[in-house]
Amino acid sequence: MSSVDVAALALNVPVPTELQWTDTRRGEEFVLQSITVRLLPDDSLAAKAYGRPVAGGRGGYVSFTVPDRPELHALIEAAATRAAERWAGHRGIG
């Protein structure tokens, strides 16, 4: 088979309760509970956070910047490493 181009790889990481934070968008406060991490073509990582409105309900699907905190960087990097291990060990379809 010829070379296959993979445009992107992404994974979702639950944020442990003790690392969750809140942020506000359009006057609504959200608690950020998950991070989507993408492996970019240059092999660097990009991350966006997602969560639920503090007041309840579903709210919109709104992304937030991940704060520059060492413990969140460590979570993202550990998740990427674990995802790489899992991808390397895949057993094919079905």
Protein backbone atom coordinates (compact mmCIF):
# COMPACT_ATOMS: atom_id res chain seq x y z
CA MET A 1 0.00 0.00 0.00
CA SER A 2 1.23 3.50 -0.76
CA SER A 3 1.77 6.09 1.93
CA VAL A 4 -1.41 7.23 3.64
CA ASP A 5 -1.77 10.86 4.72
CA VAL A 6 -3.33 11.29 8.16
CA ALA A 7 -4.66 14.82 8.54
CA ALA A 8 -5.12 14.81 12.30
CA LEU A 9 -5.38 12.66 15.38
CA ALA A 10 -7.54 13.72 18.30
CA LEU A 11 -8.38 12.42 21.75
CA ASN A 12 -10.67 13.46 24.56
CA VAL A 13 -9.40 13.62 28.11
CA PRO A 14 -11.66 13.91 31.15
CA VAL A 15 -10.32 16.50 33.58
CA PRO A 16 -10.15 15.11 37.13
CA THR A 17 -12.40 17.04 39.52
CA GLU A 18 -9.47 18.55 41.40
CA LEU A 19 -8.10 20.06 38.16
CA GLN A 20 -11.37 21.43 36.75
CA TRP A 21 -11.81 25.20 36.51
CA THR A 22 -14.47 27.69 35.53
CA ASP A 23 -14.55 30.28 32.76
CA THR A 24 -17.17 32.64 31.40
CA ARG A 25 -18.45 33.02 27.86
CA ARG A 26 -21.26 35.32 26.74
CA GLY A 27 -22.15 36.03 30.37
CA GLU A 28 -22.52 32.34 31.25
CA GLU A 29 -20.15 30.51 33.60
CA PHE A 30 -18.92 27.06 32.57
CA VAL A 31 -17.09 24.38 34.53
CA LEU A 32 -14.48 22.84 32.23
CA GLN A 33 -14.51 19.06 32.47
CA SER A 34 -12.81 17.75 29.35
CA ILE A 35 -9.96 18.60 27.02
CA THR A 36 -9.75 17.73 23.34
CA VAL A 37 -6.14 17.25 22.28
CA ARG A 38 -5.08 17.23 18.63
CA LEU A 39 -1.76 16.04 17.23
CA LEU A 40 -0.83 18.54 14.55
CA PRO A 41 1.09 17.73 11.34
CA ASP A 42 4.31 19.09 12.90
CA ASP A 43 3.85 16.63 15.83
CA SER A 44 3.05 19.38 18.33
CA LEU A 45 -0.10 19.29 20.45
CA ALA A 46 -3.07 21.68 20.46
CA ALA A 47 -5.73 21.61 23.16
CA LYS A 48 -9.17 23.12 23.79
CA ALA A 49 -11.34 22.69 26.88
CA TYR A 50 -15.08 22.02 27.00
CA GLY A 51 -17.61 21.87 29.80
CA ARG A 52 -21.10 22.49 31.09
CA PRO A 53 -22.84 25.62 32.32
CA VAL A 54 -22.55 25.98 36.10
CA ALA A 55 -26.25 26.94 36.22
CA GLY A 56 -27.19 23.59 34.63
CA GLY A 57 -28.58 22.60 31.30
CA ARG A 58 -26.73 21.61 28.21
CA GLY A 59 -25.54 24.99 27.01
CA GLY A 60 -23.76 25.43 23.71
CA TYR A 61 -20.73 23.51 22.53
CA VAL A 62 -18.18 26.21 23.29
CA SER A 63 -14.42 25.80 23.39
CA PHE A 64 -12.16 27.49 25.92
CA THR A 65 -8.44 28.02 26.08
CA VAL A 66 -6.67 25.64 28.44
CA PRO A 67 -4.96 27.69 31.17
CA ASP A 68 -1.19 27.70 31.28
CA ARG A 69 -0.94 25.48 34.36
CA PRO A 70 1.77 22.82 34.78
CA GLU A 71 -0.69 20.21 36.08
CA LEU A 72 -2.92 20.62 33.00
CA HIS A 73 0.09 20.44 30.68
CA ALA A 74 1.15 17.23 32.45
CA LEU A 75 -2.37 15.78 32.01
CA ILE A 76 -2.36 16.60 28.28
CA GLU A 77 1.11 15.17 27.72
CA ALA A 78 0.34 11.99 29.70
CA ALA A 79 -2.86 11.52 27.71
CA ALA A 80 -1.00 11.95 24.40
CA THR A 81 1.60 9.41 25.47
CA ARG A 82 -1.09 6.93 26.53
CA ALA A 83 -2.98 7.46 23.26
CA ALA A 84 0.21 6.76 21.29
CA GLU A 85 0.63 3.48 23.18
CA ARG A 86 -2.97 2.52 22.44
CA TRP A 87 -2.72 3.45 18.75
CA ALA A 88 0.51 1.44 18.42
CA GLY A 89 -1.23 -1.60 19.89
CA HIS A 90 -4.38 -1.47 17.73
CA ARG A 91 -5.71 -4.85 16.52
CA GLY A 92 -7.39 -3.70 13.33
CA ILE A 93 -11.06 -3.37 12.51
CA GLY A 94 -13.42 -5.89 14.03
